[in-house]
Each structure stands twice: as structure tokens, then as C-alpha cells.
Amino acid sequence: MSTINWSELFPTKLSAIIFILYIALFVNQGIIITWSQNKGEYDYNIVIVVLMTEVLKLVISAVLYCKENSLASLANEVFKHKRVLLLYMVPSSLYCLYNNLSFVNLAAFDPPTYFLLLQLRVVVTGIIFQLVFKQKLSTKQWLSLVLLTLGCMIKHLNLDYENSLIKSNFQLNINIVFIFIQTICSCLAGVYNEYLLKGEGANVNIFVQNVFMYLDSILCNIAVLFIQGNFLEAFNNSGSHIFMDPKVLLIMFNNAAIGVITSFFLKNLNSIVKTFASALELVFTALFCWLFFGIPIYLNTAIAITIVSYAVILYSQNPVQNVRSKTHDVTNTEQIQEFIPKRDSQIV
């Protein structure tokens, strides 16, 4: 592996602080949601919590835009780019499903296992890019993807021989399906975001795009409540939990903070450092869950985390990239530098 140049990874003290906050918030996400459970179940409506979190994100994005612009300007931008607002319904619906499945999957898996299995999105992304953009993966890329898959498999070696093997496999298959759906949602939403940013939404302010995302996400979550057939009942029964339960408030504010810090992270750092953060999240999640919840760190867990962390770092040295065609190449260096943080900051 190449020697790590720490001065390039963290060019300023601010970038190091952002790096630490980024990891802390994502580790908190799994821990707080697990803490809010009551014997593997939730005493609140998870769709309502996701909905209120999107409302909070919308307010934050609007405030950040209005720091340098007027509220009337924001309204004009929304009306002017209403087609882009409509197109954002696709990634918003995918992220809506992703956010709701995070609660479902954290009820089925402990946080270390959950975050470890989410690294499968690297595999899914590699496959999607190879199929959609017709790019062949290099040997190093395939090696990292194979190691990543191997690490996730090792994590689920059955070390408890007293339990029924058939029962364990059945539960595992059902839960893995949900994890796979969640990773697919994340990857497809990211690819579609890139399409919007390079095409229809290329000239739209980043905070306005976030407003589009969260407006559509709110509509998607409301639609989910209507599909469940308990829209009014959900609000009546969960109001006190949302506004008075400290655990639920922590979940909402922590998830909203993740959206903000991710934008700052990718503007001050880069996607390669993000992969290092993902690897460290696995380690710290396992450690804190052992301290707070008594979730043991078995040998297979330690081996799996080590393999997955190495695979993520190996992959970061030669990541899959969607290379634009020559007819759409950006020749101006300033435009390229401006595009990169805008593209990545949407993946929240």
C-alpha cells in the first residue's frame, strides 16, 4: 500500500475537526437508534421520525441559502427550476426507502454488523458502473470487492452451535434482503444525482438542490403514511414521542447534522478520506457498542472489520469513476473543482 501523506489528507485543522465530527455523527446514528429500541422494537412511528428529520433538513438548507440570498430568491429558484424539482423525486423516493430501512435493519442487526454489511454498497456501485457505463473493473478493484464480500461473509459465521442452523439461516436471508435493498437504493440514488448534476441541475445552487431533495423526500414519506393507511392516526399517536422523547429528538438532530457535515466534509476533504472514515466507523461502532450495550466483539467480528477496512482502503487507491465523454469534458479547472463537491455533497 502507498504511504499515507497526512498533510495531504488533513491540510488544515478545520479539516481534521470535520473528519472527527463526520465519524462521530455516523457512529452516533447507529448507537442512538439502537438505544431508542425497546426489545428490538420501536415505541414510535419510524416514518414520522424520518419525515420530521427531512423537515429539519429542509429548514437548515433554506437557512443556509438565505444567509447570502433572500427568501424571495429561493422561491424564484424553485419556480424557475421546477422541472429539476420534479426530477429529484426519483432519488428522493430512493433515499426515503433507504432511511426507513435503516430503522428496520438496525432492529435486526447490531450496529457493527449493520455498518459492516452496508459496505456492500461498494460492490453494488462497482457492478452498476460496469453494467451501466460499460467500464471494466481493474484487478485491484475486483480484489477489493472480493475482500469486502469475504469480510461480510466471515461476520456471519455461525459460532453458536447450540442454536438451530435452519432458523439462523432463515432469519439471515430475510434480513440480508433488506440490507441489499437499502444498498441498491443508496447506489441508484447516487447515480441519478450525478445525472441531474451533470445535466438538468448543473446550474442550480447546491443548497437549492438540497431544498429540492428534502421537499420531495417529505412528499415521499407522506405518501408512505397514506399507503400504510394511518396518516392522521400516526400523527396523533406519535406527536408526544417526537417532541418530548429525548432519544427521538437526538435521532432527528443527529441525522440532520449528518447532512450538513457531509457537505462540509466533501468540500474541505475528498472522497478518498471518506473511505478511511468508513473504515474507522466500523471500528468505533464495534467498540462503543461493546461499552454501552455489552455487544461482544467475537473473533469473526474482529477479522471481518479488519478485512473490510483493508478492502475499503485498497479500493480508495483505485476507485470506480464515471468518466464523462469527450464531448462533455470540462476544460476549465475552476469548473472541475466546483463540480466535485457539488456532486458528492448530495450523497447524504
Protein backbone atom coordinates (compact mmCIF):
# COMPACT_ATOMS: atom_id res chain seq x y z
CA MET A 1 0.00 0.00 0.00
CA SER A 2 1.07 3.57 -0.67
CA THR A 3 2.48 5.65 2.17
CA ILE A 4 -0.15 7.88 3.73
CA ASN A 5 0.62 11.60 3.49
CA TRP A 6 -1.19 13.02 6.50
CA SER A 7 -0.58 16.65 5.48
CA GLU A 8 -2.47 16.00 2.24
CA LEU A 9 -5.27 14.15 3.99
CA PHE A 10 -5.77 16.95 6.54
CA PRO A 11 -4.46 20.21 5.05
CA THR A 12 -5.96 22.34 7.86
CA LYS A 13 -7.05 21.95 11.48
CA LEU A 14 -10.63 22.58 10.37
CA SER A 15 -10.50 19.61 8.00
CA ALA A 16 -9.32 17.35 10.86
CA ILE A 17 -12.17 18.58 13.07
CA ILE A 18 -14.69 17.94 10.28
CA PHE A 19 -13.25 14.44 9.82
CA ILE A 20 -13.75 13.64 13.52
CA LEU A 21 -17.27 15.08 13.59
CA TYR A 22 -18.21 13.11 10.48
CA ILE A 23 -17.19 9.81 12.07
CA ALA A 24 -18.79 10.70 15.41
CA LEU A 25 -22.15 11.54 13.85
CA PHE A 26 -22.34 8.34 11.80
CA VAL A 27 -21.33 6.20 14.78
CA ASN A 28 -23.95 8.04 16.86
CA GLN A 29 -26.61 7.25 14.28
CA GLY A 30 -26.39 3.50 14.84
CA ILE A 31 -25.94 3.78 18.60
CA ILE A 32 -28.83 6.22 19.19
CA ILE A 33 -31.29 4.27 17.04
CA THR A 34 -30.32 1.07 18.86
CA TRP A 35 -30.67 2.89 22.21
CA SER A 36 -34.18 4.02 21.26
CA GLN A 37 -35.37 0.44 20.76
CA ASN A 38 -37.48 -1.47 23.26
CA LYS A 39 -36.56 -5.15 22.94
CA GLY A 40 -35.86 -4.81 19.23
CA GLU A 41 -38.99 -2.73 18.54
CA TYR A 42 -39.72 1.00 18.34
CA ASP A 43 -42.27 2.82 20.51
CA TYR A 44 -42.64 5.49 17.83
CA ASN A 45 -43.59 5.60 14.16
CA ILE A 46 -40.30 5.45 12.24
CA VAL A 47 -41.85 7.04 9.12
CA ILE A 48 -42.90 10.07 11.19
CA VAL A 49 -39.35 10.38 12.58
CA VAL A 50 -37.86 10.23 9.08
CA LEU A 51 -40.44 12.77 7.89
CA MET A 52 -39.67 15.23 10.69
CA THR A 53 -35.94 14.78 10.06
CA GLU A 54 -36.44 15.73 6.40
CA VAL A 55 -38.41 18.81 7.51
CA LEU A 56 -35.49 19.77 9.77
CA LYS A 57 -33.02 19.28 6.88
CA LEU A 58 -35.23 21.42 4.64
CA VAL A 59 -35.22 24.26 7.17
CA ILE A 60 -31.43 24.05 7.58
CA SER A 61 -30.84 24.06 3.80
CA ALA A 62 -33.18 27.04 3.32
CA VAL A 63 -31.46 28.96 6.14
CA LEU A 64 -28.00 28.28 4.68
CA TYR A 65 -29.16 29.52 1.27
CA CYS A 66 -30.81 32.61 2.74
CA LYS A 67 -27.58 33.60 4.53
CA GLU A 68 -26.38 35.02 1.21
CA ASN A 69 -29.69 35.30 -0.64
CA SER A 70 -33.24 36.40 0.06
CA LEU A 71 -36.22 34.17 0.71
CA ALA A 72 -37.84 35.59 -2.43
CA SER A 73 -34.77 34.49 -4.39
CA LEU A 74 -35.20 30.95 -3.07
CA ALA A 75 -38.85 30.94 -4.15
CA ASN A 76 -37.85 32.20 -7.60
CA GLU A 77 -35.20 29.48 -7.91
CA VAL A 78 -37.73 26.79 -7.01
CA PHE A 79 -40.22 28.12 -9.58
CA LYS A 80 -37.52 28.62 -12.23
CA HIS A 81 -36.17 25.08 -11.88
CA LYS A 82 -39.46 23.29 -11.17
CA ARG A 83 -38.53 20.59 -13.71
CA VAL A 84 -35.42 19.76 -11.66
CA LEU A 85 -37.61 19.71 -8.55
CA LEU A 86 -39.78 17.09 -10.24
CA LEU A 87 -36.76 15.04 -11.36
CA TYR A 88 -35.44 14.96 -7.79
CA MET A 89 -38.47 12.85 -6.90
CA VAL A 90 -36.54 9.79 -8.14
CA PRO A 91 -33.52 9.99 -5.78
CA SER A 92 -35.75 11.34 -3.00
CA SER A 93 -38.01 8.27 -3.14
CA LEU A 94 -34.94 6.02 -3.06
CA TYR A 95 -33.48 7.85 -0.07
CA CYS A 96 -36.90 7.74 1.61
CA LEU A 97 -36.85 3.94 1.38
CA TYR A 98 -33.19 3.88 2.45
CA ASN A 99 -33.80 5.98 5.58
CA ASN A 100 -36.82 3.94 6.66
CA LEU A 101 -34.98 0.66 6.08
CA SER A 102 -32.15 1.87 8.30
CA PHE A 103 -34.51 1.62 11.28
CA VAL A 104 -35.75 -1.82 10.17
CA ASN A 105 -32.24 -3.18 9.68
CA LEU A 106 -30.88 -1.73 12.92
CA ALA A 107 -33.67 -3.60 14.71
CA ALA A 108 -32.49 -6.83 13.05
CA PHE A 109 -28.71 -6.32 13.31
CA ASP A 110 -26.44 -4.85 15.94
CA PRO A 111 -24.77 -1.58 14.78
CA PRO A 112 -21.32 -3.14 14.00
CA THR A 113 -22.94 -5.76 11.75
CA TYR A 114 -25.24 -3.16 10.15
CA PHE A 115 -22.44 -0.77 9.19
CA LEU A 116 -20.25 -3.64 8.05
CA LEU A 117 -22.94 -5.00 5.73
CA LEU A 118 -23.59 -1.52 4.34
CA GLN A 119 -20.08 -1.62 2.88
CA LEU A 120 -21.60 -3.97 0.29
CA ARG A 121 -22.71 -0.77 -1.48
CA VAL A 122 -19.14 -0.50 -2.76
CA VAL A 123 -19.67 -3.86 -4.51
CA VAL A 124 -23.07 -2.77 -5.84
CA THR A 125 -21.65 0.53 -7.08
CA GLY A 126 -18.86 -1.29 -8.91
CA ILE A 127 -21.32 -3.62 -10.62
CA ILE A 128 -23.72 -0.79 -11.53
CA PHE A 129 -20.95 1.29 -13.08
CA GLN A 130 -19.62 -1.70 -15.02
CA LEU A 131 -23.08 -2.50 -16.42
CA VAL A 132 -24.48 0.98 -16.96
CA PHE A 133 -21.35 2.81 -18.05
CA LYS A 134 -19.68 -0.24 -19.65
CA GLN A 135 -16.43 0.12 -17.71
CA LYS A 136 -14.29 -2.90 -16.85
CA LEU A 137 -13.00 -3.12 -13.30
CA SER A 138 -9.27 -3.43 -12.74
CA THR A 139 -7.65 -6.32 -10.86
CA LYS A 140 -7.18 -4.16 -7.74
CA GLN A 141 -10.83 -3.07 -7.86
CA TRP A 142 -12.08 -6.66 -8.13
CA LEU A 143 -9.71 -7.75 -5.34
CA SER A 144 -11.07 -5.08 -3.01
CA LEU A 145 -14.67 -6.04 -3.85
CA VAL A 146 -13.97 -9.74 -3.25
CA LEU A 147 -12.29 -8.95 0.10
CA LEU A 148 -15.24 -6.78 1.06
CA THR A 149 -17.69 -9.57 0.32
CA LEU A 150 -15.50 -12.08 2.15
CA GLY A 151 -15.38 -9.85 5.22
CA CYS A 152 -19.18 -9.60 5.32
CA MET A 153 -19.47 -13.40 5.00
CA ILE A 154 -16.99 -14.00 7.82
CA LYS A 155 -19.01 -11.72 10.09
CA HIS A 156 -21.94 -14.15 9.75
CA LEU A 157 -20.13 -17.38 10.50
CA ASN A 158 -22.33 -19.26 12.96
CA LEU A 159 -20.25 -19.66 16.12
CA ASP A 160 -23.19 -20.59 18.33
CA TYR A 161 -23.65 -24.31 17.70
CA GLU A 162 -26.43 -24.58 20.28
CA ASN A 163 -28.91 -22.67 18.07
CA SER A 164 -30.77 -24.20 15.18
CA LEU A 165 -28.87 -23.73 11.93
CA ILE A 166 -32.08 -23.68 9.87
CA LYS A 167 -33.61 -20.93 11.99
CA SER A 168 -30.45 -18.79 11.83
CA ASN A 169 -30.19 -19.10 8.05
CA PHE A 170 -33.84 -18.18 7.53
CA GLN A 171 -33.54 -15.02 9.61
CA LEU A 172 -30.27 -14.11 7.95
CA ASN A 173 -31.70 -14.44 4.43
CA ILE A 174 -34.69 -12.20 5.18
CA ASN A 175 -32.53 -9.51 6.80
CA ILE A 176 -29.87 -9.65 4.09
CA VAL A 177 -32.59 -8.93 1.50
CA PHE A 178 -33.46 -5.71 3.33
CA ILE A 179 -29.78 -4.72 3.57
CA PHE A 180 -29.38 -5.42 -0.15
CA ILE A 181 -32.42 -3.27 -0.98
CA GLN A 182 -31.01 -0.49 1.19
CA THR A 183 -27.64 -0.59 -0.59
CA ILE A 184 -29.33 -0.65 -4.01
CA CYS A 185 -31.35 2.45 -3.05
CA SER A 186 -28.21 4.29 -1.97
CA CYS A 187 -26.27 3.42 -5.13
CA LEU A 188 -29.07 4.15 -7.60
CA ALA A 189 -29.88 7.45 -5.89
CA GLY A 190 -26.22 8.46 -6.09
CA VAL A 191 -26.01 7.62 -9.80
CA TYR A 192 -29.21 9.55 -10.57
CA ASN A 193 -27.95 12.52 -8.54
CA GLU A 194 -24.85 12.57 -10.71
CA TYR A 195 -27.05 12.55 -13.81
CA LEU A 196 -29.05 15.53 -12.50
CA LEU A 197 -25.94 17.49 -11.52
CA LYS A 198 -24.29 16.96 -14.90
CA GLY A 199 -27.47 17.66 -16.85
CA GLU A 200 -30.68 19.29 -15.74
CA GLY A 201 -29.41 20.63 -12.41
CA ALA A 202 -25.87 21.64 -13.41
CA ASN A 203 -26.53 25.36 -12.94
CA VAL A 204 -28.63 25.11 -9.77
CA ASN A 205 -27.21 26.26 -6.42
CA ILE A 206 -26.21 23.34 -4.16
CA PHE A 207 -28.47 24.48 -1.30
CA VAL A 208 -31.41 24.88 -3.70
CA GLN A 209 -30.80 21.31 -4.88
CA ASN A 210 -30.86 20.17 -1.26
CA VAL A 211 -34.17 22.02 -0.84
CA PHE A 212 -35.49 20.10 -3.86
CA MET A 213 -34.27 16.83 -2.36
CA TYR A 214 -35.87 17.40 1.03
CA LEU A 215 -39.15 18.78 -0.35
CA ASP A 216 -39.54 15.65 -2.45
CA SER A 217 -38.47 13.44 0.47
CA ILE A 218 -41.19 14.97 2.63
CA LEU A 219 -43.78 14.20 -0.05
CA CYS A 220 -42.47 10.61 -0.34
CA ASN A 221 -42.74 10.00 3.41
CA ILE A 222 -46.26 11.46 3.47
CA ALA A 223 -47.13 9.08 0.63
CA VAL A 224 -45.78 6.16 2.69
CA LEU A 225 -48.05 7.13 5.58
CA PHE A 226 -51.06 7.25 3.24
CA ILE A 227 -50.14 3.84 1.80
CA GLN A 228 -49.97 2.46 5.35
CA GLY A 229 -53.49 3.82 5.80
CA ASN A 230 -52.80 5.55 9.13
CA PHE A 231 -51.79 9.10 8.18
CA LEU A 232 -53.83 11.02 10.77
CA GLU A 233 -53.54 8.26 13.36
CA ALA A 234 -49.75 8.21 13.02
CA PHE A 235 -49.51 11.93 13.81
CA ASN A 236 -51.97 11.74 16.70
CA ASN A 237 -50.26 8.78 18.36
CA SER A 238 -46.65 9.80 17.80
CA GLY A 239 -46.71 13.53 18.46
CA SER A 240 -45.67 13.29 22.09
CA HIS A 241 -42.90 10.82 21.26
CA ILE A 242 -41.43 13.05 18.57
CA PHE A 243 -41.38 16.31 20.52
CA MET A 244 -40.83 15.05 24.07
CA ASP A 245 -38.75 11.86 23.82
CA PRO A 246 -35.04 12.86 24.08
CA LYS A 247 -33.97 9.75 22.14
CA VAL A 248 -36.16 10.59 19.16
CA LEU A 249 -35.03 14.22 19.19
CA LEU A 250 -31.41 13.07 19.22
CA ILE A 251 -32.08 10.84 16.21
CA MET A 252 -33.61 13.70 14.23
CA PHE A 253 -30.95 16.29 15.04
CA ASN A 254 -28.11 13.81 14.58
CA ASN A 255 -29.38 12.79 11.13
CA ALA A 256 -29.87 16.43 10.15
CA ALA A 257 -26.34 17.21 11.30
CA ILE A 258 -25.06 14.32 9.15
CA GLY A 259 -26.49 16.03 6.07
CA VAL A 260 -24.76 19.32 6.91
CA ILE A 261 -21.39 17.88 7.93
CA THR A 262 -21.25 15.65 4.83
CA SER A 263 -21.35 18.73 2.61
CA PHE A 264 -18.55 20.40 4.60
CA PHE A 265 -16.60 17.13 4.65
CA LEU A 266 -16.51 16.75 0.88
CA LYS A 267 -15.84 20.43 0.30
CA ASN A 268 -12.86 20.55 2.67
CA LEU A 269 -11.58 17.00 2.18
CA ASN A 270 -12.23 14.41 -0.55
CA SER A 271 -13.86 11.08 -1.29
CA ILE A 272 -10.66 9.11 -0.57
CA VAL A 273 -10.56 10.38 3.02
CA LYS A 274 -14.26 9.44 3.18
CA THR A 275 -13.30 5.78 2.67
CA PHE A 276 -10.86 5.98 5.59
CA ALA A 277 -13.71 7.40 7.67
CA SER A 278 -15.96 4.49 6.66
CA ALA A 279 -13.33 2.01 7.84
CA LEU A 280 -12.89 3.81 11.16
CA GLU A 281 -16.67 3.91 11.67
CA LEU A 282 -16.68 0.10 11.76
CA VAL A 283 -14.00 0.02 14.46
CA PHE A 284 -15.51 2.71 16.70
CA THR A 285 -19.06 1.37 16.31
CA ALA A 286 -17.96 -2.08 17.49
CA LEU A 287 -16.02 -0.58 20.41
CA PHE A 288 -18.78 1.74 21.66
CA CYS A 289 -21.49 -0.90 21.26
CA TRP A 290 -19.37 -3.21 23.42
CA LEU A 291 -19.03 -0.45 26.06
CA PHE A 292 -22.65 0.81 26.02
CA PHE A 293 -24.72 -2.25 25.12
CA GLY A 294 -22.42 -5.12 26.06
CA ILE A 295 -22.44 -6.41 22.46
CA PRO A 296 -19.44 -8.76 22.41
CA ILE A 297 -16.68 -8.43 19.82
CA TYR A 298 -16.19 -12.00 18.66
CA LEU A 299 -13.16 -13.18 16.76
CA ASN A 300 -15.12 -13.31 13.49
CA THR A 301 -16.25 -9.69 14.05
CA ALA A 302 -12.67 -8.51 14.56
CA ILE A 303 -11.45 -10.42 11.48
CA ALA A 304 -14.35 -9.12 9.38
CA ILE A 305 -13.75 -5.49 10.40
CA THR A 306 -10.04 -5.85 9.60
CA ILE A 307 -10.71 -7.33 6.14
CA VAL A 308 -13.44 -4.82 5.28
CA SER A 309 -11.31 -1.87 6.44
CA TYR A 310 -8.40 -3.05 4.30
CA ALA A 311 -10.72 -3.61 1.32
CA VAL A 312 -12.16 -0.09 1.62
CA ILE A 313 -8.69 1.48 1.79
CA LEU A 314 -7.47 -0.69 -1.12
CA TYR A 315 -10.49 0.32 -3.18
CA SER A 316 -9.90 4.02 -2.43
CA GLN A 317 -6.50 3.82 -4.15
CA ASN A 318 -8.20 2.98 -7.46
CA PRO A 319 -11.95 3.74 -7.22
CA VAL A 320 -14.52 3.26 -9.95
CA GLN A 321 -15.18 6.56 -11.70
CA ASN A 322 -17.81 7.63 -14.17
CA VAL A 323 -15.66 9.17 -16.88
CA ARG A 324 -17.51 11.73 -18.94
CA SER A 325 -17.41 11.58 -22.73
CA LYS A 326 -15.05 13.90 -24.58
CA THR A 327 -17.93 15.95 -25.93
CA HIS A 328 -18.92 16.82 -22.37
CA ASP A 329 -15.46 17.28 -20.89
CA VAL A 330 -14.97 20.30 -18.66
CA THR A 331 -11.78 22.07 -19.66
CA ASN A 332 -11.81 24.84 -17.12
CA THR A 333 -10.02 23.77 -13.92
CA GLU A 334 -12.17 26.01 -11.74
CA GLN A 335 -15.34 24.42 -13.11
CA ILE A 336 -13.99 20.95 -12.32
CA GLN A 337 -13.09 21.91 -8.77
CA GLU A 338 -16.53 23.46 -8.32
CA PHE A 339 -18.31 20.38 -9.66
CA ILE A 340 -16.68 17.76 -7.44
CA PRO A 341 -18.00 18.93 -4.03
CA LYS A 342 -21.43 19.63 -5.53
CA ARG A 343 -21.70 16.11 -6.87
CA ASP A 344 -20.54 14.38 -3.68
CA SER A 345 -22.41 16.53 -1.20
CA GLN A 346 -25.72 15.19 -2.48
CA ILE A 347 -24.96 11.71 -1.16
CA VAL A 348 -26.35 12.30 2.32
